[in-house]
Amino acid sequence: MTDTELRAQSFQIAWKYLDRSGLLTGEHREAARFILNRIDRMMLRGERRRLLLSNAAIDAYRLRPVLVNA
């Protein structure tokens, strides 16, 4: 699997989960950028496990409103 495929699949998993759970809020473009940024940073550090990438992006997105409001 190429890095591009890994990135896309990890994003799709995270996006579908957040969308189906009703956790996606605000501008979808901003949410997509946030999720991809998290995945990209982990991939730059060498992470290649798809579920770990997607789950970390989900967790970061969940915590995002708490960090913004804090």
PDB file of N, CA and C in Angstrom:
ATOM      1  N   MET A   1       0.841  -1.179   0.000  1.00  0.00           N
ATOM      2  CA  MET A   1       0.000   0.000   0.000  1.00  0.00           C
ATOM      3  C   MET A   1       0.886   1.243   0.000  1.00  0.00           C
ATOM      4  N   THR A   2       0.557   2.187  -0.864  1.00  0.00           N
ATOM      5  CA  THR A   2       1.330   3.424  -0.921  1.00  0.00           C
ATOM      6  C   THR A   2       0.917   4.359   0.218  1.00  0.00           C
ATOM      7  N   ASP A   3       1.752   5.349   0.472  1.00  0.00           N
ATOM      8  CA  ASP A   3       1.430   6.333   1.506  1.00  0.00           C
ATOM      9  C   ASP A   3       0.142   7.085   1.165  1.00  0.00           C
ATOM     10  N   THR A   4      -0.066   7.367  -0.107  1.00  0.00           N
ATOM     11  CA  THR A   4      -1.276   8.062  -0.528  1.00  0.00           C
ATOM     12  C   THR A   4      -2.514   7.231  -0.234  1.00  0.00           C
ATOM     13  N   GLU A   5      -2.448   5.943  -0.516  1.00  0.00           N
ATOM     14  CA  GLU A   5      -3.573   5.046  -0.227  1.00  0.00           C
ATOM     15  C   GLU A   5      -3.802   4.929   1.270  1.00  0.00           C
ATOM     16  N   LEU A   6      -2.726   4.792   2.026  1.00  0.00           N
ATOM     17  CA  LEU A   6      -2.819   4.694   3.482  1.00  0.00           C
ATOM     18  C   LEU A   6      -3.461   5.946   4.064  1.00  0.00           C
ATOM     19  N   ARG A   7      -3.031   7.099   3.585  1.00  0.00           N
ATOM     20  CA  ARG A   7      -3.581   8.382   4.050  1.00  0.00           C
ATOM     21  C   ARG A   7      -5.072   8.468   3.740  1.00  0.00           C
ATOM     22  N   ALA A   8      -5.436   8.113   2.521  1.00  0.00           N
ATOM     23  CA  ALA A   8      -6.837   8.183   2.107  1.00  0.00           C
ATOM     24  C   ALA A   8      -7.712   7.215   2.899  1.00  0.00           C
ATOM     25  N   GLN A   9      -7.240   5.998   3.105  1.00  0.00           N
ATOM     26  CA  GLN A   9      -8.019   5.011   3.845  1.00  0.00           C
ATOM     27  C   GLN A   9      -8.165   5.407   5.306  1.00  0.00           C
ATOM     28  N   SER A  10      -7.108   5.911   5.903  1.00  0.00           N
ATOM     29  CA  SER A  10      -7.163   6.349   7.301  1.00  0.00           C
ATOM     30  C   SER A  10      -8.140   7.504   7.452  1.00  0.00           C
ATOM     31  N   PHE A  11      -8.099   8.430   6.500  1.00  0.00           N
ATOM     32  CA  PHE A  11      -9.026   9.559   6.528  1.00  0.00           C
ATOM     33  C   PHE A  11     -10.467   9.069   6.399  1.00  0.00           C
ATOM     34  N   GLN A  12     -10.719   8.165   5.462  1.00  0.00           N
ATOM     35  CA  GLN A  12     -12.078   7.655   5.244  1.00  0.00           C
ATOM     36  C   GLN A  12     -12.640   6.995   6.500  1.00  0.00           C
ATOM     37  N   ILE A  13     -11.833   6.210   7.175  1.00  0.00           N
ATOM     38  CA  ILE A  13     -12.278   5.545   8.396  1.00  0.00           C
ATOM     39  C   ILE A  13     -12.653   6.587   9.451  1.00  0.00           C
ATOM     40  N   ALA A  14     -11.767   7.561   9.649  1.00  0.00           N
ATOM     41  CA  ALA A  14     -12.020   8.600  10.653  1.00  0.00           C
ATOM     42  C   ALA A  14     -13.251   9.425  10.281  1.00  0.00           C
ATOM     43  N   TRP A  15     -13.351   9.823   9.025  1.00  0.00           N
ATOM     44  CA  TRP A  15     -14.452  10.668   8.581  1.00  0.00           C
ATOM     45  C   TRP A  15     -15.793   9.951   8.738  1.00  0.00           C
ATOM     46  N   LYS A  16     -15.852   8.704   8.286  1.00  0.00           N
ATOM     47  CA  LYS A  16     -17.108   7.948   8.385  1.00  0.00           C
ATOM     48  C   LYS A  16     -17.541   7.790   9.841  1.00  0.00           C
ATOM     49  N   TYR A  17     -16.591   7.491  10.718  1.00  0.00           N
ATOM     50  CA  TYR A  17     -16.932   7.327  12.131  1.00  0.00           C
ATOM     51  C   TYR A  17     -17.478   8.640  12.706  1.00  0.00           C
ATOM     52  N   LEU A  18     -16.748   9.721  12.474  1.00  0.00           N
ATOM     53  CA  LEU A  18     -17.162  11.011  13.032  1.00  0.00           C
ATOM     54  C   LEU A  18     -18.494  11.469  12.447  1.00  0.00           C
ATOM     55  N   ASP A  19     -18.699  11.217  11.165  1.00  0.00           N
ATOM     56  CA  ASP A  19     -19.950  11.611  10.515  1.00  0.00           C
ATOM     57  C   ASP A  19     -21.123  10.798  11.050  1.00  0.00           C
ATOM     58  N   ARG A  20     -20.966   9.502  11.114  1.00  0.00           N
ATOM     59  CA  ARG A  20     -22.052   8.634  11.578  1.00  0.00           C
ATOM     60  C   ARG A  20     -22.374   8.836  13.046  1.00  0.00           C
ATOM     61  N   SER A  21     -21.378   9.216  13.825  1.00  0.00           N
ATOM     62  CA  SER A  21     -21.612   9.417  15.255  1.00  0.00           C
ATOM     63  C   SER A  21     -22.145  10.814  15.562  1.00  0.00           C
ATOM     64  N   GLY A  22     -22.204  11.672  14.548  1.00  0.00           N
ATOM     65  CA  GLY A  22     -22.706  13.022  14.748  1.00  0.00           C
ATOM     66  C   GLY A  22     -21.701  13.971  15.371  1.00  0.00           C
ATOM     67  N   LEU A  23     -20.443  13.585  15.394  1.00  0.00           N
ATOM     68  CA  LEU A  23     -19.422  14.412  16.025  1.00  0.00           C
ATOM     69  C   LEU A  23     -18.826  15.472  15.101  1.00  0.00           C
ATOM     70  N   LEU A  24     -19.075  15.361  13.789  1.00  0.00           N
ATOM     71  CA  LEU A  24     -18.563  16.377  12.867  1.00  0.00           C
ATOM     72  C   LEU A  24     -19.362  17.658  13.064  1.00  0.00           C
ATOM     73  N   THR A  25     -18.677  18.710  13.405  1.00  0.00           N
ATOM     74  CA  THR A  25     -19.344  19.980  13.631  1.00  0.00           C
ATOM     75  C   THR A  25     -18.667  21.068  12.811  1.00  0.00           C
ATOM     76  N   GLY A  26     -19.388  22.133  12.566  1.00  0.00           N
ATOM     77  CA  GLY A  26     -18.804  23.272  11.865  1.00  0.00           C
ATOM     78  C   GLY A  26     -18.533  23.000  10.401  1.00  0.00           C
ATOM     79  N   GLU A  27     -17.571  23.723   9.874  1.00  0.00           N
ATOM     80  CA  GLU A  27     -17.188  23.647   8.471  1.00  0.00           C
ATOM     81  C   GLU A  27     -16.500  22.317   8.155  1.00  0.00           C
ATOM     82  N   HIS A  28     -17.028  21.591   7.189  1.00  0.00           N
ATOM     83  CA  HIS A  28     -16.455  20.284   6.851  1.00  0.00           C
ATOM     84  C   HIS A  28     -15.055  20.401   6.273  1.00  0.00           C
ATOM     85  N   ARG A  29     -14.777  21.469   5.566  1.00  0.00           N
ATOM     86  CA  ARG A  29     -13.423  21.651   5.009  1.00  0.00           C
ATOM     87  C   ARG A  29     -12.403  21.781   6.134  1.00  0.00           C
ATOM     88  N   GLU A  30     -12.766  22.530   7.157  1.00  0.00           N
ATOM     89  CA  GLU A  30     -11.874  22.710   8.312  1.00  0.00           C
ATOM     90  C   GLU A  30     -11.689  21.385   9.061  1.00  0.00           C
ATOM     91  N   ALA A  31     -12.766  20.637   9.213  1.00  0.00           N
ATOM     92  CA  ALA A  31     -12.687  19.338   9.884  1.00  0.00           C
ATOM     93  C   ALA A  31     -11.791  18.377   9.104  1.00  0.00           C
ATOM     94  N   ALA A  32     -11.944  18.356   7.788  1.00  0.00           N
ATOM     95  CA  ALA A  32     -11.120  17.478   6.947  1.00  0.00           C
ATOM     96  C   ALA A  32      -9.648  17.859   7.059  1.00  0.00           C
ATOM     97  N   ARG A  33      -9.382  19.153   7.052  1.00  0.00           N
ATOM     98  CA  ARG A  33      -8.000  19.627   7.185  1.00  0.00           C
ATOM     99  C   ARG A  33      -7.402  19.199   8.530  1.00  0.00           C
ATOM    100  N   PHE A  34      -8.192  19.316   9.590  1.00  0.00           N
ATOM    101  CA  PHE A  34      -7.728  18.931  10.919  1.00  0.00           C
ATOM    102  C   PHE A  34      -7.385  17.441  10.974  1.00  0.00           C
ATOM    103  N   ILE A  35      -8.285  16.609  10.447  1.00  0.00           N
ATOM    104  CA  ILE A  35      -8.086  15.159  10.460  1.00  0.00           C
ATOM    105  C   ILE A  35      -6.855  14.780   9.635  1.00  0.00           C
ATOM    106  N   LEU A  36      -6.744  15.332   8.430  1.00  0.00           N
ATOM    107  CA  LEU A  36      -5.595  15.018   7.575  1.00  0.00           C
ATOM    108  C   LEU A  36      -4.286  15.505   8.189  1.00  0.00           C
ATOM    109  N   ASN A  37      -4.315  16.639   8.847  1.00  0.00           N
ATOM    110  CA  ASN A  37      -3.115  17.155   9.490  1.00  0.00           C
ATOM    111  C   ASN A  37      -2.617  16.183  10.561  1.00  0.00           C
ATOM    112  N   ARG A  38      -3.539  15.661  11.345  1.00  0.00           N
ATOM    113  CA  ARG A  38      -3.166  14.701  12.387  1.00  0.00           C
ATOM    114  C   ARG A  38      -2.578  13.433  11.775  1.00  0.00           C
ATOM    115  N   ILE A  39      -3.219  12.922  10.738  1.00  0.00           N
ATOM    116  CA  ILE A  39      -2.727  11.714  10.060  1.00  0.00           C
ATOM    117  C   ILE A  39      -1.355  11.977   9.448  1.00  0.00           C
ATOM    118  N   ASP A  40      -1.206  13.105   8.783  1.00  0.00           N
ATOM    119  CA  ASP A  40       0.070  13.446   8.145  1.00  0.00           C
ATOM    120  C   ASP A  40       1.215  13.540   9.154  1.00  0.00           C
ATOM    121  N   ARG A  41       0.946  14.175  10.287  1.00  0.00           N
ATOM    122  CA  ARG A  41       2.002  14.309  11.302  1.00  0.00           C
ATOM    123  C   ARG A  41       2.454  12.947  11.819  1.00  0.00           C
ATOM    124  N   MET A  42       1.512  12.044  12.003  1.00  0.00           N
ATOM    125  CA  MET A  42       1.877  10.715  12.483  1.00  0.00           C
ATOM    126  C   MET A  42       2.636   9.928  11.409  1.00  0.00           C
ATOM    127  N   MET A  43       2.230  10.084  10.163  1.00  0.00           N
ATOM    128  CA  MET A  43       2.924   9.393   9.078  1.00  0.00           C
ATOM    129  C   MET A  43       4.349   9.915   8.913  1.00  0.00           C
ATOM    130  N   LEU A  44       4.539  11.213   9.127  1.00  0.00           N
ATOM    131  CA  LEU A  44       5.889  11.780   9.054  1.00  0.00           C
ATOM    132  C   LEU A  44       6.801  11.202  10.134  1.00  0.00           C
ATOM    133  N   ARG A  45       6.208  10.787  11.244  1.00  0.00           N
ATOM    134  CA  ARG A  45       6.983  10.165  12.320  1.00  0.00           C
ATOM    135  C   ARG A  45       7.166   8.665  12.093  1.00  0.00           C
ATOM    136  N   GLY A  46       6.602   8.144  10.976  1.00  0.00           N
ATOM    137  CA  GLY A  46       6.837   6.755  10.629  1.00  0.00           C
ATOM    138  C   GLY A  46       5.688   5.801  10.884  1.00  0.00           C
ATOM    139  N   GLU A  47       4.575   6.285  11.380  1.00  0.00           N
ATOM    140  CA  GLU A  47       3.440   5.408  11.663  1.00  0.00           C
ATOM    141  C   GLU A  47       2.787   4.953  10.357  1.00  0.00           C
ATOM    142  N   ARG A  48       2.528   3.639  10.242  1.00  0.00           N
ATOM    143  CA  ARG A  48       1.931   3.082   9.032  1.00  0.00           C
ATOM    144  C   ARG A  48       0.735   2.174   9.334  1.00  0.00           C
ATOM    145  N   ARG A  49       0.294   2.132  10.569  1.00  0.00           N
ATOM    146  CA  ARG A  49      -0.871   1.306  10.911  1.00  0.00           C
ATOM    147  C   ARG A  49      -2.139   2.124  10.700  1.00  0.00           C
ATOM    148  N   ARG A  50      -2.936   1.680   9.750  1.00  0.00           N
ATOM    149  CA  ARG A  50      -4.123   2.428   9.317  1.00  0.00           C
ATOM    150  C   ARG A  50      -5.094   2.716  10.457  1.00  0.00           C
ATOM    151  N   LEU A  51      -5.411   1.727  11.252  1.00  0.00           N
ATOM    152  CA  LEU A  51      -6.375   1.945  12.339  1.00  0.00           C
ATOM    153  C   LEU A  51      -5.818   2.852  13.431  1.00  0.00           C
ATOM    154  N   LEU A  52      -4.541   2.760  13.679  1.00  0.00           N
ATOM    155  CA  LEU A  52      -3.945   3.655  14.667  1.00  0.00           C
ATOM    156  C   LEU A  52      -4.001   5.099  14.163  1.00  0.00           C
ATOM    157  N   LEU A  53      -3.726   5.300  12.883  1.00  0.00           N
ATOM    158  CA  LEU A  53      -3.802   6.637  12.299  1.00  0.00           C
ATOM    159  C   LEU A  53      -5.219   7.199  12.384  1.00  0.00           C
ATOM    160  N   SER A  54      -6.191   6.390  11.993  1.00  0.00           N
ATOM    161  CA  SER A  54      -7.574   6.880  12.005  1.00  0.00           C
ATOM    162  C   SER A  54      -8.081   7.095  13.423  1.00  0.00           C
ATOM    163  N   ASN A  55      -7.773   6.191  14.333  1.00  0.00           N
ATOM    164  CA  ASN A  55      -8.231   6.346  15.720  1.00  0.00           C
ATOM    165  C   ASN A  55      -7.595   7.555  16.399  1.00  0.00           C
ATOM    166  N   ALA A  56      -6.332   7.803  16.115  1.00  0.00           N
ATOM    167  CA  ALA A  56      -5.670   8.983  16.691  1.00  0.00           C
ATOM    168  C   ALA A  56      -6.296  10.266  16.154  1.00  0.00           C
ATOM    169  N   ALA A  57      -6.658  10.274  14.879  1.00  0.00           N
ATOM    170  CA  ALA A  57      -7.312  11.443  14.294  1.00  0.00           C
ATOM    171  C   ALA A  57      -8.696  11.659  14.923  1.00  0.00           C
ATOM    172  N   ILE A  58      -9.412  10.569  15.150  1.00  0.00           N
ATOM    173  CA  ILE A  58     -10.730  10.653  15.795  1.00  0.00           C
ATOM    174  C   ILE A  58     -10.591  11.214  17.201  1.00  0.00           C
ATOM    175  N   ASP A  59      -9.661  10.667  17.962  1.00  0.00           N
ATOM    176  CA  ASP A  59      -9.450  11.140  19.335  1.00  0.00           C
ATOM    177  C   ASP A  59      -9.049  12.610  19.366  1.00  0.00           C
ATOM    178  N   ALA A  60      -8.157  13.011  18.463  1.00  0.00           N
ATOM    179  CA  ALA A  60      -7.732  14.410  18.415  1.00  0.00           C
ATOM    180  C   ALA A  60      -8.906  15.312  18.068  1.00  0.00           C
ATOM    181  N   TYR A  61      -9.747  14.875  17.158  1.00  0.00           N
ATOM    182  CA  TYR A  61     -10.909  15.682  16.782  1.00  0.00           C
ATOM    183  C   TYR A  61     -11.897  15.786  17.935  1.00  0.00           C
ATOM    184  N   ARG A  62     -12.097  14.705  18.647  1.00  0.00           N
ATOM    185  CA  ARG A  62     -12.991  14.729  19.816  1.00  0.00           C
ATOM    186  C   ARG A  62     -12.504  15.712  20.875  1.00  0.00           C
ATOM    187  N   LEU A  63     -11.200  15.759  21.087  1.00  0.00           N
ATOM    188  CA  LEU A  63     -10.634  16.641  22.099  1.00  0.00           C
ATOM    189  C   LEU A  63     -10.561  18.094  21.631  1.00  0.00           C
ATOM    190  N   ARG A  64     -10.618  18.313  20.349  1.00  0.00           N
ATOM    191  CA  ARG A  64     -10.468  19.643  19.795  1.00  0.00           C
ATOM    192  C   ARG A  64     -11.398  20.678  20.410  1.00  0.00           C
ATOM    193  N   PRO A  65     -12.706  20.443  20.498  1.00  0.00           N
ATOM    194  CA  PRO A  65     -13.576  21.463  21.106  1.00  0.00           C
ATOM    195  C   PRO A  65     -13.216  21.765  22.558  1.00  0.00           C
ATOM    196  N   VAL A  66     -12.770  20.759  23.285  1.00  0.00           N
ATOM    197  CA  VAL A  66     -12.381  20.958  24.682  1.00  0.00           C
ATOM    198  C   VAL A  66     -11.162  21.877  24.747  1.00  0.00           C
ATOM    199  N   LEU A  67     -10.215  21.659  23.859  1.00  0.00           N
ATOM    200  CA  LEU A  67      -9.002  22.475  23.862  1.00  0.00           C
ATOM    201  C   LEU A  67      -9.285  23.911  23.407  1.00  0.00           C
ATOM    202  N   VAL A  68     -10.186  24.084  22.462  1.00  0.00           N
ATOM    203  CA  VAL A  68     -10.529  25.414  21.967  1.00  0.00           C
ATOM    204  C   VAL A  68     -11.265  26.213  23.032  1.00  0.00           C
ATOM    205  N   ASN A  69     -12.144  25.553  23.771  1.00  0.00           N
ATOM    206  CA  ASN A  69     -12.951  26.238  24.787  1.00  0.00           C
ATOM    207  C   ASN A  69     -12.221  26.417  26.118  1.00  0.00           C
ATOM    208  N   ALA A  70     -11.104  25.740  26.286  1.00  0.00           N
ATOM    209  CA  ALA A  70     -10.405  25.788  27.569  1.00  0.00           C
ATOM    210  C   ALA A  70      -9.719  27.116  27.796  1.00  0.00           C
TER     211      ALA A  70
END
